[in-house]
Amino acid sequence: MKTKPTKPTKITKKVIPTNKTKPIVIQSEITPKKTPTITINILGGCIQDVVKEKCNEVQVIVHDYDIQGLDEDAMNSLCTDQYGEQYQVITF
């Protein structure tokens, strides 16, 4: 007696959409020798304090656009952004 062949069953997952936005952290291993960097742009304000605790592998760079009153040596080391504005670079 021959049995009738059965169709293979298809298993699908039910996707439930949610409206909750969760932050996503993506860590890339493409360039493991590059130091992770945080860049802070300041225009019309001031930095009260930068604290790096237990994160020596992170480099913090501040682009300070408030350059009035800088001494001559600091004025000679200014950088220029893509819009032609000058800023001072402070690295922590």
Protein backbone atom coordinates (compact mmCIF):
# COMPACT_ATOMS: atom_id res chain seq x y z
CA MET A 1 0.00 0.00 0.00
CA LYS A 2 1.44 3.32 -1.09
CA THR A 3 1.18 6.43 1.05
CA LYS A 4 0.47 9.78 -0.40
CA PRO A 5 3.44 12.20 -0.22
CA THR A 6 2.84 15.10 2.14
CA LYS A 7 3.80 18.69 1.57
CA PRO A 8 6.58 20.00 3.78
CA THR A 9 5.29 22.36 6.41
CA LYS A 10 6.52 25.92 6.44
CA ILE A 11 7.41 27.51 9.80
CA THR A 12 7.17 31.28 9.99
CA LYS A 13 7.77 33.66 12.85
CA LYS A 14 5.14 36.19 13.70
CA VAL A 15 6.60 39.71 13.76
CA ILE A 16 4.92 42.04 16.19
CA PRO A 17 5.61 45.70 15.35
CA THR A 18 6.26 47.98 18.30
CA ASN A 19 6.36 51.73 18.55
CA LYS A 20 9.15 51.71 21.12
CA THR A 21 12.41 53.14 19.82
CA LYS A 22 15.39 51.64 21.54
CA PRO A 23 18.94 52.98 21.28
CA ILE A 24 21.22 50.76 19.28
CA VAL A 25 24.94 50.47 19.89
CA ILE A 26 26.92 49.07 16.99
CA GLN A 27 30.48 48.05 17.61
CA SER A 28 32.55 47.51 14.53
CA GLU A 29 35.55 45.24 14.45
CA ILE A 30 36.62 46.51 11.03
CA THR A 31 39.23 48.90 12.42
CA PRO A 32 40.15 47.62 15.87
CA LYS A 33 43.23 49.86 16.14
CA LYS A 34 41.29 53.12 15.73
CA THR A 35 40.52 54.86 19.01
CA PRO A 36 36.81 55.53 19.62
CA THR A 37 36.26 59.29 19.51
CA ILE A 38 33.59 61.66 20.84
CA THR A 39 33.59 65.11 19.22
CA ILE A 40 31.84 68.02 20.95
CA ASN A 41 31.13 71.21 18.95
CA ILE A 42 30.77 74.39 21.05
CA LEU A 43 29.45 77.68 19.65
CA GLY A 44 28.13 80.41 21.91
CA GLY A 45 28.54 78.45 25.12
CA CYS A 46 31.16 77.09 27.44
CA ILE A 47 32.23 73.73 28.73
CA GLN A 48 31.94 73.43 32.48
CA ASP A 49 33.83 70.16 32.83
CA VAL A 50 34.86 67.05 30.93
CA VAL A 51 35.17 63.92 33.05
CA LYS A 52 36.57 60.69 31.65
CA GLU A 53 36.36 58.01 34.28
CA LYS A 54 37.38 54.43 33.52
CA CYS A 55 37.29 55.03 29.78
CA ASN A 56 40.88 55.69 28.81
CA GLU A 57 40.30 54.09 25.42
CA VAL A 58 37.87 56.87 24.41
CA GLN A 59 39.26 60.12 23.01
CA VAL A 60 37.21 63.29 23.59
CA ILE A 61 37.79 66.15 21.14
CA VAL A 62 36.22 69.59 21.59
CA HIS A 63 35.81 71.96 18.64
CA ASP A 64 35.52 75.38 20.30
CA TYR A 65 34.24 78.03 17.91
CA ASP A 66 34.50 80.83 20.49
CA ILE A 67 37.99 81.99 19.56
CA GLN A 68 37.86 85.62 20.69
CA GLY A 69 40.61 86.51 23.16
CA LEU A 70 42.98 83.66 22.29
CA ASP A 71 46.70 84.38 22.36
CA GLU A 72 48.74 84.52 19.16
CA ASP A 73 50.09 80.96 19.45
CA ALA A 74 46.56 79.56 19.79
CA MET A 75 45.34 81.69 16.87
CA ASN A 76 48.06 80.16 14.65
CA SER A 77 46.90 76.62 15.45
CA LEU A 78 43.20 77.07 14.58
CA CYS A 79 41.43 74.65 12.25
CA THR A 80 38.83 75.49 9.62
CA ASP A 81 35.63 73.52 9.06
CA GLN A 82 33.84 72.81 5.77
CA TYR A 83 31.95 76.13 6.06
CA GLY A 84 35.10 78.24 6.47
CA GLU A 85 34.57 78.83 10.21
CA GLN A 86 37.63 78.63 12.45
CA TYR A 87 37.73 76.66 15.70
CA GLN A 88 40.18 75.59 18.37
CA VAL A 89 40.74 71.87 18.98
CA ILE A 90 40.98 70.73 22.60
CA THR A 91 41.74 67.05 23.20
CA PHE A 92 41.13 65.10 26.42
